Amino acid sequence: MSRLVLLLGDQLSRSISALEGFDPARDRILMAEVASEATYVRHHKQKLVMVFSAMRHFAGTLRAEGLTVEYWRIEDPDNPGSLDAALRRAVERHRPEAVILTEPGEWRVLEMMRDWAETLGPPVEIRPDTRFFARIEDFARWAEGRKTYRMEFFYREMRRKTGLLMEGDHPVGGHWNFDAENRKALPAGHRLPARLRFPPDGVTRDVMAVVEARFGGHFGSLDGFGWPVTREQALEALDHFIADALPWFGDYQDAMKRGEDFVHHALLAPALNLGLILPGELCLAAERAWLEGRAPLNAVEGFIRQILGWREYVRGLYWLEMPGYAETNALAAHRPLPDFYWTGETDLRCLAEVVQATARNAYAHHIQRLMVTGNFALLAGLAPKAVEEWYLLVYADAYEWVELPNTHGMALFADGGLLASKPYAASGAYIDRMSDYCTGCRYDPAVKSGPEACPFNYLYWNFLITNETRLAGNPRMAMPYRTLAKMAPARRAEIVAESVAFLDGLSPAQ
């Protein structure tokens, strides 16, 4: 029986379920770089280079094993332009007796696959993506009957299931998480590790030229591209993180510093979400570092929680709630995205720093995303769909299954609290405490009103005022709303007036 296996651009794992039982004598693989996937959002140029280069390297690895790979490069003159056209052309040419797929990471692609099952001709088998710790149906069973889905409880179940950082039925160290120990600002003079980057090889340089020529108008720069594009590089990057960055990752994972784009973060998510390295490999390497005394427990647990807990959790929630999840707008936020999200040109130094770093690297760490660009979007009432498209577009590790819950639920509270127990809203004091961004900024985080005041300060209280009927009953918002209740009407009016003036003065993106 001859079979055609379609591998998507984020399924670059030799252990992918679609390749199980592959017969090199009869079966063939289809891989395609297509314009529709490059442009459904105008992806950061570095993401396009990373994906296309990694695909080409992976196809080369498969061919070296003797597997037949039909491959479409984006620059091929007769490139079919879409996954649908590429697959239908391959089916017509090769007449396979079956088409084998691994379930995708995005709802829109699953809808395409369901259409193939009905219209393609040969039987279509969609296999589960076994690269995750939990299958989609496992999360659905856990979520059944719950009104809200709190990651902490799912994470504990995953710890028990995998045995990671467990002593029998109990967590090592006596606590399920050590988040309280992981919120330190960088002390003066703290040495940050030099980060491992991978100079582009010939394949990557060829891709860079094509991307610059065809997608030169997309966001970001290709200067300094250094992401791993092979499994060997991804494993090398993991070893580097474990040895040089993990020991301090826990303490300073929330810290931000001007000119330091990576701090102690792993920088492994782009390779992980492509499939070049597997989540179990990351977690076991971190646990081994703790067992061998090479990294403290708070760092190791914090890192494992991001993968075993948060990453698995947001994927499960995405598939449980889609497609309706993307349509909710619980806080009725409709303001357009300001142009500084694209240009980085703003007097708010924190936002300028993060947007400019994102343009340089197709990367920002989770606190920069949540508490700077995300916090501003929340306080300013930016339209969820516009913000979510921006996050999906600008980051090398962004795929809708992971980006949408993080942005829609965590950053914007647009799902009304299905994911997060409260909005992650903060004034300028938080950014000042966790970074040096405020130093030299034209705004002062210690000033509450007037032209020198940090806009995050009055926008924070304006957010509470605007959403009082929606949020005042939230137990975790009780303290700020008690403070707001004591505020004089004149002060409330002043806050609203300053906020309206500031927000109306923003230039919308073109």
Protein backbone atom coordinates (compact mmCIF):
# COMPACT_ATOMS: atom_id res chain seq x y z
CA MET A 1 0.00 0.00 0.00
CA SER A 2 1.57 3.31 -1.06
CA ARG A 3 1.05 6.27 1.22
CA LEU A 4 1.71 9.99 0.93
CA VAL A 5 2.80 11.72 4.16
CA LEU A 6 2.37 15.49 4.37
CA LEU A 7 4.70 17.12 6.90
CA LEU A 8 3.92 20.67 7.98
CA GLY A 9 6.60 23.26 8.66
CA ASP A 10 6.30 22.85 12.44
CA GLN A 11 6.43 19.05 12.33
CA LEU A 12 10.18 18.65 11.87
CA SER A 13 10.59 15.67 14.21
CA ARG A 14 11.80 12.24 13.13
CA SER A 15 9.40 10.81 15.72
CA ILE A 16 6.35 12.61 14.29
CA SER A 17 3.36 10.28 14.26
CA ALA A 18 2.78 10.66 10.50
CA LEU A 19 6.09 8.86 9.86
CA GLU A 20 5.27 5.85 12.02
CA GLY A 21 5.28 2.72 9.85
CA PHE A 22 6.76 4.60 6.90
CA ASP A 23 7.87 2.21 4.13
CA PRO A 24 10.80 3.73 2.20
CA ALA A 25 10.17 1.34 -0.66
CA ARG A 26 6.61 2.51 -1.33
CA ASP A 27 5.79 5.68 0.61
CA ARG A 28 6.81 9.27 -0.02
CA ILE A 29 6.86 12.52 1.96
CA LEU A 30 5.54 15.88 0.79
CA MET A 31 6.90 19.14 2.21
CA ALA A 32 6.08 22.57 0.83
CA GLU A 33 7.11 26.14 1.51
CA VAL A 34 4.05 28.04 0.31
CA ALA A 35 3.10 31.70 0.10
CA SER A 36 -0.26 31.20 1.83
CA GLU A 37 1.46 30.06 5.04
CA ALA A 38 4.06 32.82 4.82
CA THR A 39 1.49 35.57 4.45
CA TYR A 40 -1.78 34.68 6.24
CA VAL A 41 -0.12 37.01 8.70
CA ARG A 42 2.97 38.89 7.55
CA HIS A 43 5.41 36.87 9.66
CA HIS A 44 8.64 38.39 10.94
CA LYS A 45 11.36 37.84 8.36
CA GLN A 46 13.46 35.88 10.86
CA LYS A 47 10.60 33.45 11.47
CA LEU A 48 10.25 32.80 7.75
CA VAL A 49 13.98 32.19 7.43
CA MET A 50 14.02 29.91 10.47
CA VAL A 51 11.06 27.80 9.26
CA PHE A 52 12.12 27.49 5.62
CA SER A 53 15.75 26.76 6.49
CA ALA A 54 14.78 24.20 9.13
CA MET A 55 12.42 22.53 6.64
CA ARG A 56 15.18 22.28 4.04
CA HIS A 57 17.65 20.87 6.53
CA PHE A 58 15.09 18.34 7.78
CA ALA A 59 14.24 17.25 4.24
CA GLY A 60 17.95 16.68 3.70
CA THR A 61 18.14 14.54 6.83
CA LEU A 62 15.20 12.40 5.68
CA ARG A 63 16.71 11.93 2.23
CA ALA A 64 20.03 10.90 3.78
CA GLU A 65 18.10 8.07 5.46
CA GLY A 66 16.83 6.93 2.08
CA LEU A 67 13.33 8.38 2.38
CA THR A 68 11.70 9.87 -0.70
CA VAL A 69 10.84 13.55 -0.18
CA GLU A 70 8.98 15.70 -2.69
CA TYR A 71 9.87 19.27 -1.71
CA TRP A 72 8.59 22.62 -2.91
CA ARG A 73 10.80 25.65 -2.26
CA ILE A 74 9.13 29.04 -2.00
CA GLU A 75 11.08 30.32 -5.01
CA ASP A 76 10.26 27.41 -7.35
CA PRO A 77 8.67 28.92 -10.49
CA ASP A 78 5.67 26.58 -10.44
CA ASN A 79 5.28 26.55 -6.64
CA PRO A 80 1.62 25.66 -5.96
CA GLY A 81 1.21 28.54 -3.48
CA SER A 82 -0.82 26.73 -0.81
CA LEU A 83 -0.80 23.49 1.14
CA ASP A 84 -4.11 22.55 -0.43
CA ALA A 85 -2.81 22.97 -3.98
CA ALA A 86 0.48 21.20 -3.18
CA LEU A 87 -1.27 18.18 -1.70
CA ARG A 88 -3.87 17.89 -4.45
CA ARG A 89 -1.15 18.11 -7.09
CA ALA A 90 0.86 15.37 -5.35
CA VAL A 91 -2.17 13.11 -5.01
CA GLU A 92 -2.99 13.53 -8.70
CA ARG A 93 0.62 12.81 -9.69
CA HIS A 94 1.35 9.82 -7.44
CA ARG A 95 -2.10 8.28 -6.84
CA PRO A 96 -1.37 7.15 -3.27
CA GLU A 97 -3.69 4.66 -1.63
CA ALA A 98 -3.78 6.78 1.55
CA VAL A 99 -2.71 10.20 2.81
CA ILE A 100 -1.21 10.37 6.30
CA LEU A 101 -1.18 13.53 8.42
CA THR A 102 -0.34 14.53 11.98
CA GLU A 103 -2.90 16.83 13.56
CA PRO A 104 -1.88 20.48 13.13
CA GLY A 105 -1.35 23.18 15.71
CA GLU A 106 -3.89 25.60 14.28
CA TRP A 107 -7.65 25.37 13.90
CA ARG A 108 -7.67 26.78 10.36
CA VAL A 109 -5.32 23.99 9.20
CA LEU A 110 -7.44 21.31 10.88
CA GLU A 111 -10.45 22.63 8.95
CA MET A 112 -8.38 22.25 5.77
CA MET A 113 -7.49 18.68 6.75
CA ARG A 114 -11.15 17.83 7.37
CA ASP A 115 -11.95 19.13 3.91
CA TRP A 116 -9.24 16.89 2.47
CA ALA A 117 -10.78 13.89 4.22
CA GLU A 118 -14.05 14.60 2.41
CA THR A 119 -12.82 15.65 -1.03
CA LEU A 120 -9.29 14.45 -1.71
CA GLY A 121 -10.11 10.98 -3.00
CA PRO A 122 -7.81 8.54 -1.16
CA PRO A 123 -8.50 7.93 2.55
CA VAL A 124 -7.01 10.58 4.84
CA GLU A 125 -5.71 9.55 8.26
CA ILE A 126 -5.14 12.34 10.82
CA ARG A 127 -2.95 11.03 13.63
CA PRO A 128 -2.53 12.64 17.08
CA ASP A 129 0.55 14.73 17.72
CA THR A 130 2.35 12.56 20.24
CA ARG A 131 5.16 15.07 20.83
CA PHE A 132 3.20 16.60 23.72
CA PHE A 133 2.90 15.14 27.21
CA ALA A 134 -0.90 15.34 27.11
CA ARG A 135 -3.20 14.57 24.22
CA ILE A 136 -6.02 16.94 23.40
CA GLU A 137 -8.58 14.53 24.80
CA ASP A 138 -6.59 14.23 28.06
CA PHE A 139 -7.00 17.95 28.68
CA ALA A 140 -10.68 17.78 27.75
CA ARG A 141 -11.23 15.07 30.38
CA TRP A 142 -9.40 17.15 32.99
CA ALA A 143 -11.44 20.24 32.11
CA GLU A 144 -14.84 18.51 32.13
CA GLY A 145 -17.18 20.09 34.66
CA ARG A 146 -14.87 22.98 35.56
CA LYS A 147 -16.10 26.58 35.26
CA THR A 148 -12.57 27.92 34.97
CA TYR A 149 -9.31 26.24 34.04
CA ARG A 150 -6.43 27.03 36.37
CA MET A 151 -3.03 25.98 35.13
CA GLU A 152 -1.72 25.19 38.62
CA PHE A 153 -4.05 22.23 39.10
CA PHE A 154 -3.41 20.86 35.62
CA TYR A 155 0.32 21.25 36.20
CA ARG A 156 0.15 19.20 39.39
CA GLU A 157 -1.61 16.42 37.53
CA MET A 158 1.08 16.49 34.85
CA ARG A 159 3.80 16.28 37.48
CA ARG A 160 2.14 13.20 38.95
CA LYS A 161 1.67 11.67 35.50
CA THR A 162 5.29 12.15 34.41
CA GLY A 163 7.06 11.82 37.76
CA LEU A 164 9.13 14.93 37.01
CA LEU A 165 10.43 16.54 40.23
CA MET A 166 8.42 14.10 42.32
CA GLU A 167 9.21 11.99 45.39
CA GLY A 168 6.47 9.42 45.28
CA ASP A 169 3.20 11.36 45.41
CA HIS A 170 4.82 14.54 46.70
CA PRO A 171 6.71 17.33 44.93
CA VAL A 172 10.41 17.57 45.67
CA GLY A 173 11.19 20.39 48.04
CA GLY A 174 7.69 20.26 49.55
CA HIS A 175 6.16 22.78 47.13
CA TRP A 176 4.54 22.44 43.72
CA ASN A 177 6.02 25.69 42.50
CA PHE A 178 8.64 28.19 43.59
CA ASP A 179 7.27 31.19 41.72
CA ALA A 180 7.63 33.42 44.77
CA GLU A 181 11.41 32.97 44.52
CA ASN A 182 11.49 33.80 40.81
CA ARG A 183 10.63 37.52 40.81
CA LYS A 184 13.91 39.30 41.47
CA ALA A 185 15.21 42.29 39.58
CA LEU A 186 18.76 42.06 38.26
CA PRO A 187 21.21 43.39 40.85
CA ALA A 188 23.79 45.96 39.82
CA GLY A 189 26.85 44.30 38.38
CA HIS A 190 25.18 40.93 37.77
CA ARG A 191 26.98 39.14 34.94
CA LEU A 192 24.76 37.84 32.18
CA PRO A 193 25.97 34.87 30.12
CA ALA A 194 27.10 35.25 26.54
CA ARG A 195 24.39 33.54 24.51
CA LEU A 196 25.00 30.87 21.92
CA ARG A 197 23.88 31.90 18.44
CA PHE A 198 24.29 30.01 15.17
CA PRO A 199 25.81 31.85 12.19
CA PRO A 200 23.81 31.13 9.02
CA ASP A 201 25.14 28.30 6.88
CA GLY A 202 24.80 28.13 3.11
CA VAL A 203 21.23 26.83 3.20
CA THR A 204 20.16 29.57 5.59
CA ARG A 205 21.93 32.27 3.60
CA ASP A 206 20.10 31.15 0.46
CA VAL A 207 16.79 31.35 2.33
CA MET A 208 17.66 34.77 3.73
CA ALA A 209 18.19 36.10 0.21
CA VAL A 210 14.87 34.69 -0.95
CA VAL A 211 12.97 36.04 2.06
CA GLU A 212 14.49 39.49 1.69
CA ALA A 213 13.58 39.53 -2.00
CA ARG A 214 10.03 38.18 -1.65
CA PHE A 215 9.00 39.32 1.81
CA GLY A 216 11.19 42.38 2.32
CA GLY A 217 8.22 44.44 3.47
CA HIS A 218 7.53 42.15 6.42
CA PHE A 219 8.31 43.23 9.98
CA GLY A 220 11.78 42.91 11.45
CA SER A 221 15.39 42.63 10.40
CA LEU A 222 17.51 39.66 9.30
CA ASP A 223 20.70 41.21 10.69
CA GLY A 224 22.11 39.01 13.41
CA PHE A 225 19.96 35.97 12.61
CA GLY A 226 21.17 33.17 14.86
CA TRP A 227 18.32 30.72 15.57
CA PRO A 228 18.93 26.95 15.47
CA VAL A 229 17.66 25.40 12.24
CA THR A 230 18.74 21.77 12.78
CA ARG A 231 18.22 19.25 15.54
CA GLU A 232 21.95 19.21 16.24
CA GLN A 233 21.94 22.96 16.80
CA ALA A 234 18.84 22.73 19.00
CA LEU A 235 20.52 20.12 21.21
CA GLU A 236 23.63 22.28 21.41
CA ALA A 237 21.46 25.25 22.42
CA LEU A 238 19.87 23.13 25.15
CA ASP A 239 23.27 22.14 26.54
CA HIS A 240 24.33 25.79 26.54
CA PHE A 241 21.21 26.90 28.40
CA ILE A 242 21.52 24.19 31.04
CA ALA A 243 25.20 24.96 31.69
CA ASP A 244 25.31 28.75 31.37
CA ALA A 245 21.85 30.23 31.94
CA LEU A 246 19.60 27.82 33.89
CA PRO A 247 21.34 28.30 37.28
CA TRP A 248 20.13 31.93 37.39
CA PHE A 249 16.99 31.51 35.30
CA GLY A 250 14.71 31.08 38.30
CA ASP A 251 15.76 34.15 40.26
CA TYR A 252 15.74 36.51 37.29
CA GLN A 253 13.21 35.10 34.84
CA ASP A 254 10.98 38.19 35.33
CA ALA A 255 13.82 40.72 35.09
CA MET A 256 14.30 43.14 32.20
CA LYS A 257 17.35 45.20 31.29
CA ARG A 258 18.03 47.73 28.55
CA GLY A 259 20.22 46.33 25.79
CA GLU A 260 20.03 42.78 27.16
CA ASP A 261 17.52 41.00 24.97
CA PHE A 262 17.90 37.47 26.39
CA VAL A 263 18.91 37.72 30.09
CA HIS A 264 18.91 34.07 31.37
CA HIS A 265 16.07 32.78 29.20
CA ALA A 266 16.33 29.49 27.33
CA LEU A 267 15.75 30.75 23.75
CA LEU A 268 14.56 27.22 22.95
CA ALA A 269 10.88 27.86 22.18
CA PRO A 270 11.39 28.52 18.44
CA ALA A 271 13.19 25.18 17.98
CA LEU A 272 10.76 23.40 20.33
CA ASN A 273 7.69 24.63 18.48
CA LEU A 274 9.22 23.61 15.15
CA GLY A 275 9.82 20.09 16.46
CA LEU A 276 13.62 20.17 16.29
CA ILE A 277 13.75 19.25 19.96
CA LEU A 278 11.10 17.63 22.16
CA PRO A 279 9.58 18.86 25.43
CA GLY A 280 10.56 15.72 27.29
CA GLU A 281 14.19 16.27 26.35
CA LEU A 282 14.11 19.78 27.79
CA CYS A 283 12.44 18.75 31.05
CA LEU A 284 14.68 15.75 31.64
CA ALA A 285 17.82 17.79 30.96
CA ALA A 286 16.71 20.41 33.51
CA GLU A 287 15.77 17.80 36.11
CA ARG A 288 19.13 16.08 35.63
CA ALA A 289 20.90 19.40 36.23
CA TRP A 290 19.13 19.70 39.59
CA LEU A 291 19.82 16.08 40.54
CA GLU A 292 23.52 16.61 39.77
CA GLY A 293 23.67 19.88 41.71
CA ARG A 294 24.26 22.07 38.67
CA ALA A 295 21.10 24.19 39.04
CA PRO A 296 18.88 25.14 42.01
CA LEU A 297 15.39 23.76 42.42
CA ASN A 298 13.59 27.09 41.95
CA ALA A 299 15.22 27.52 38.52
CA VAL A 300 14.57 23.96 37.40
CA GLU A 301 10.98 23.89 38.62
CA GLY A 302 10.26 27.26 37.01
CA PHE A 303 11.63 26.07 33.68
CA ILE A 304 9.80 22.74 33.78
CA ARG A 305 6.56 24.53 34.74
CA GLN A 306 6.74 26.61 31.57
CA ILE A 307 6.88 23.45 29.45
CA LEU A 308 5.08 20.70 31.36
CA GLY A 309 2.56 23.11 32.85
CA TRP A 310 1.96 26.22 30.82
CA ARG A 311 2.76 25.01 27.30
CA GLU A 312 0.62 21.88 27.66
CA TYR A 313 -2.14 23.85 29.36
CA VAL A 314 -2.54 26.56 26.73
CA ARG A 315 -2.58 23.96 23.96
CA GLY A 316 -5.31 22.02 25.71
CA LEU A 317 -7.37 25.13 26.32
CA TYR A 318 -6.96 26.27 22.71
CA TRP A 319 -8.35 23.05 21.29
CA LEU A 320 -11.06 22.81 23.93
CA GLU A 321 -12.44 26.30 23.24
CA MET A 322 -11.84 26.88 19.53
CA PRO A 323 -13.15 28.25 17.26
CA GLY A 324 -15.34 30.45 19.46
CA TYR A 325 -12.51 31.36 21.83
CA ALA A 326 -10.94 33.81 19.38
CA GLU A 327 -14.21 35.74 19.04
CA THR A 328 -14.71 36.76 22.66
CA ASN A 329 -14.05 40.32 23.85
CA ALA A 330 -15.08 40.35 27.50
CA LEU A 331 -13.79 43.86 28.21
CA ALA A 332 -15.28 45.37 25.03
CA ALA A 333 -11.86 46.63 23.90
CA HIS A 334 -11.88 48.21 20.43
CA ARG A 335 -9.07 50.77 20.17
CA PRO A 336 -6.80 50.27 17.12
CA LEU A 337 -3.17 49.20 17.51
CA PRO A 338 -0.84 52.22 17.82
CA ASP A 339 1.84 52.57 15.18
CA PHE A 340 4.66 52.31 17.72
CA TYR A 341 3.99 48.56 17.95
CA TRP A 342 5.57 48.46 14.48
CA THR A 343 8.07 51.30 14.63
CA GLY A 344 9.22 51.27 18.25
CA GLU A 345 9.08 55.05 18.10
CA THR A 346 7.55 56.20 21.39
CA ASP A 347 8.64 58.22 24.40
CA LEU A 348 7.66 55.28 26.60
CA ARG A 349 11.10 53.74 26.88
CA CYS A 350 9.90 50.34 28.08
CA LEU A 351 7.72 49.91 25.00
CA ALA A 352 10.43 51.24 22.70
CA GLU A 353 12.97 48.81 24.16
CA VAL A 354 10.72 45.76 23.80
CA VAL A 355 9.42 46.55 20.30
CA GLN A 356 12.90 47.32 19.00
CA ALA A 357 14.28 44.10 20.52
CA THR A 358 11.40 42.20 18.93
CA ALA A 359 12.24 43.68 15.53
CA ARG A 360 15.92 42.69 16.00
CA ASN A 361 15.33 39.16 17.20
CA ALA A 362 11.75 38.00 16.55
CA TYR A 363 11.87 37.41 20.30
CA ALA A 364 10.98 38.94 23.65
CA HIS A 365 10.76 37.03 26.91
CA HIS A 366 7.48 36.33 28.67
CA ILE A 367 7.49 39.30 31.04
CA GLN A 368 8.31 41.72 28.25
CA ARG A 369 5.36 40.27 26.33
CA LEU A 370 2.94 40.13 29.27
CA MET A 371 3.83 43.15 31.40
CA VAL A 372 5.05 45.66 28.82
CA THR A 373 3.43 45.25 25.39
CA GLY A 374 0.58 43.15 26.77
CA ASN A 375 -0.02 45.32 29.83
CA PHE A 376 -0.19 48.45 27.69
CA ALA A 377 -2.62 46.77 25.28
CA LEU A 378 -4.82 45.77 28.22
CA LEU A 379 -4.79 49.21 29.88
CA ALA A 380 -5.32 51.03 26.57
CA GLY A 381 -8.24 48.83 25.56
CA LEU A 382 -6.67 47.73 22.29
CA ALA A 383 -8.80 45.46 20.12
CA PRO A 384 -7.94 41.80 20.86
CA LYS A 385 -7.83 40.68 17.23
CA ALA A 386 -5.35 43.41 16.31
CA VAL A 387 -3.12 42.64 19.29
CA GLU A 388 -3.28 38.90 18.68
CA GLU A 389 -2.33 39.29 15.03
CA TRP A 390 0.66 41.37 16.12
CA TYR A 391 1.87 38.71 18.57
CA LEU A 392 1.38 35.94 16.02
CA LEU A 393 3.28 37.93 13.43
CA VAL A 394 6.31 39.24 15.31
CA TYR A 395 7.61 36.23 17.29
CA ALA A 396 9.62 33.30 15.97
CA ASP A 397 7.97 30.89 18.41
CA ALA A 398 4.38 32.04 17.74
CA TYR A 399 1.82 29.57 16.43
CA GLU A 400 -1.85 30.15 17.07
CA TRP A 401 -2.28 27.28 19.53
CA VAL A 402 0.25 28.87 21.89
CA GLU A 403 -0.08 32.55 20.96
CA LEU A 404 -3.85 32.94 21.15
CA PRO A 405 -4.46 31.73 24.74
CA ASN A 406 -1.42 33.64 25.99
CA THR A 407 -2.54 36.87 24.38
CA HIS A 408 -6.32 36.58 24.44
CA GLY A 409 -6.63 35.08 27.90
CA MET A 410 -3.50 35.99 29.83
CA ALA A 411 -2.50 39.39 28.50
CA LEU A 412 -5.88 40.85 27.48
CA PHE A 413 -8.39 39.04 29.72
CA ALA A 414 -10.58 38.95 26.62
CA ASP A 415 -11.99 35.56 27.61
CA GLY A 416 -13.42 37.03 30.81
CA GLY A 417 -11.31 34.93 33.15
CA LEU A 418 -11.51 31.47 31.61
CA LEU A 419 -7.71 31.24 31.64
CA ALA A 420 -6.47 33.85 34.13
CA SER A 421 -7.96 34.49 37.55
CA LYS A 422 -7.54 38.27 37.12
CA PRO A 423 -6.34 40.80 34.54
CA TYR A 424 -2.56 41.22 34.61
CA ALA A 425 -2.79 45.01 34.87
CA ALA A 426 0.02 47.01 36.44
CA SER A 427 1.15 50.61 36.81
CA GLY A 428 4.57 52.00 36.02
CA ALA A 429 5.82 50.92 39.44
CA TYR A 430 5.96 47.27 38.36
CA ILE A 431 8.04 48.02 35.27
CA ASP A 432 10.34 50.26 37.33
CA ARG A 433 10.82 47.53 39.93
CA MET A 434 11.61 44.77 37.43
CA SER A 435 13.75 46.71 34.94
CA ASP A 436 15.96 49.73 34.31
CA TYR A 437 13.71 50.90 31.48
CA CYS A 438 12.44 53.89 33.43
CA THR A 439 15.93 55.38 33.86
CA GLY A 440 16.20 58.27 31.44
CA CYS A 441 12.61 57.94 30.24
CA ARG A 442 10.85 61.27 29.74
CA TYR A 443 8.07 59.95 32.01
CA ASP A 444 8.52 59.36 35.74
CA PRO A 445 6.94 56.24 37.31
CA ALA A 446 6.82 58.05 40.66
CA VAL A 447 4.59 60.82 39.27
CA LYS A 448 0.88 60.01 39.18
CA SER A 449 -0.56 62.85 37.08
CA GLY A 450 0.52 65.69 34.86
CA PRO A 451 2.80 65.81 31.80
CA GLU A 452 5.70 64.06 33.57
CA ALA A 453 3.58 61.19 34.90
CA CYS A 454 4.15 57.70 33.55
CA PRO A 455 1.08 56.96 31.38
CA PHE A 456 0.94 53.45 32.85
CA ASN A 457 -0.01 55.09 36.17
CA TYR A 458 -3.17 56.89 35.11
CA LEU A 459 -4.02 54.26 32.49
CA TYR A 460 -4.03 51.64 35.25
CA TRP A 461 -6.66 53.50 37.28
CA ASN A 462 -8.59 54.42 34.15
CA PHE A 463 -8.70 50.71 33.27
CA LEU A 464 -10.22 49.96 36.68
CA ILE A 465 -12.74 52.78 36.31
CA THR A 466 -13.71 51.77 32.78
CA ASN A 467 -14.21 48.13 33.74
CA GLU A 468 -15.62 48.59 37.23
CA THR A 469 -18.92 46.86 36.50
CA ARG A 470 -17.09 43.92 34.91
CA LEU A 471 -14.26 43.45 37.40
CA ALA A 472 -15.22 44.82 40.83
CA GLY A 473 -16.67 41.46 41.86
CA ASN A 474 -13.42 39.60 41.14
CA PRO A 475 -11.95 38.57 44.54
CA ARG A 476 -8.40 39.10 43.30
CA MET A 477 -9.26 42.69 42.35
CA ALA A 478 -10.73 43.55 45.74
CA MET A 479 -7.75 45.55 47.02
CA PRO A 480 -7.38 47.97 44.07
CA TYR A 481 -11.13 48.47 43.94
CA ARG A 482 -11.19 49.30 47.65
CA THR A 483 -8.58 51.95 46.93
CA LEU A 484 -10.57 53.22 43.98
CA ALA A 485 -13.69 53.48 46.14
CA LYS A 486 -11.87 55.90 48.44
CA MET A 487 -10.73 58.09 45.56
CA ALA A 488 -12.31 61.54 45.34
CA PRO A 489 -14.61 62.11 42.35
CA ALA A 490 -12.39 64.97 41.18
CA ARG A 491 -9.35 62.69 41.13
CA ARG A 492 -11.26 60.03 39.18
CA ALA A 493 -12.32 62.63 36.65
CA GLU A 494 -8.72 63.82 36.33
CA ILE A 495 -7.52 60.27 35.67
CA VAL A 496 -10.13 59.71 32.99
CA ALA A 497 -9.37 63.04 31.31
CA GLU A 498 -5.61 62.40 31.23
CA SER A 499 -6.14 58.89 29.91
CA VAL A 500 -8.51 59.97 27.16
CA ALA A 501 -6.14 62.74 26.08
CA PHE A 502 -3.17 60.39 25.98
CA LEU A 503 -4.98 57.57 24.15
CA ASP A 504 -6.63 59.88 21.64
CA GLY A 505 -3.18 61.28 20.87
CA LEU A 506 -1.82 57.90 19.76
CA SER A 507 -1.28 57.43 16.05
CA PRO A 508 -3.02 54.27 14.83
CA ALA A 509 -1.07 51.78 12.73
CA GLN A 510 -1.53 52.20 9.00
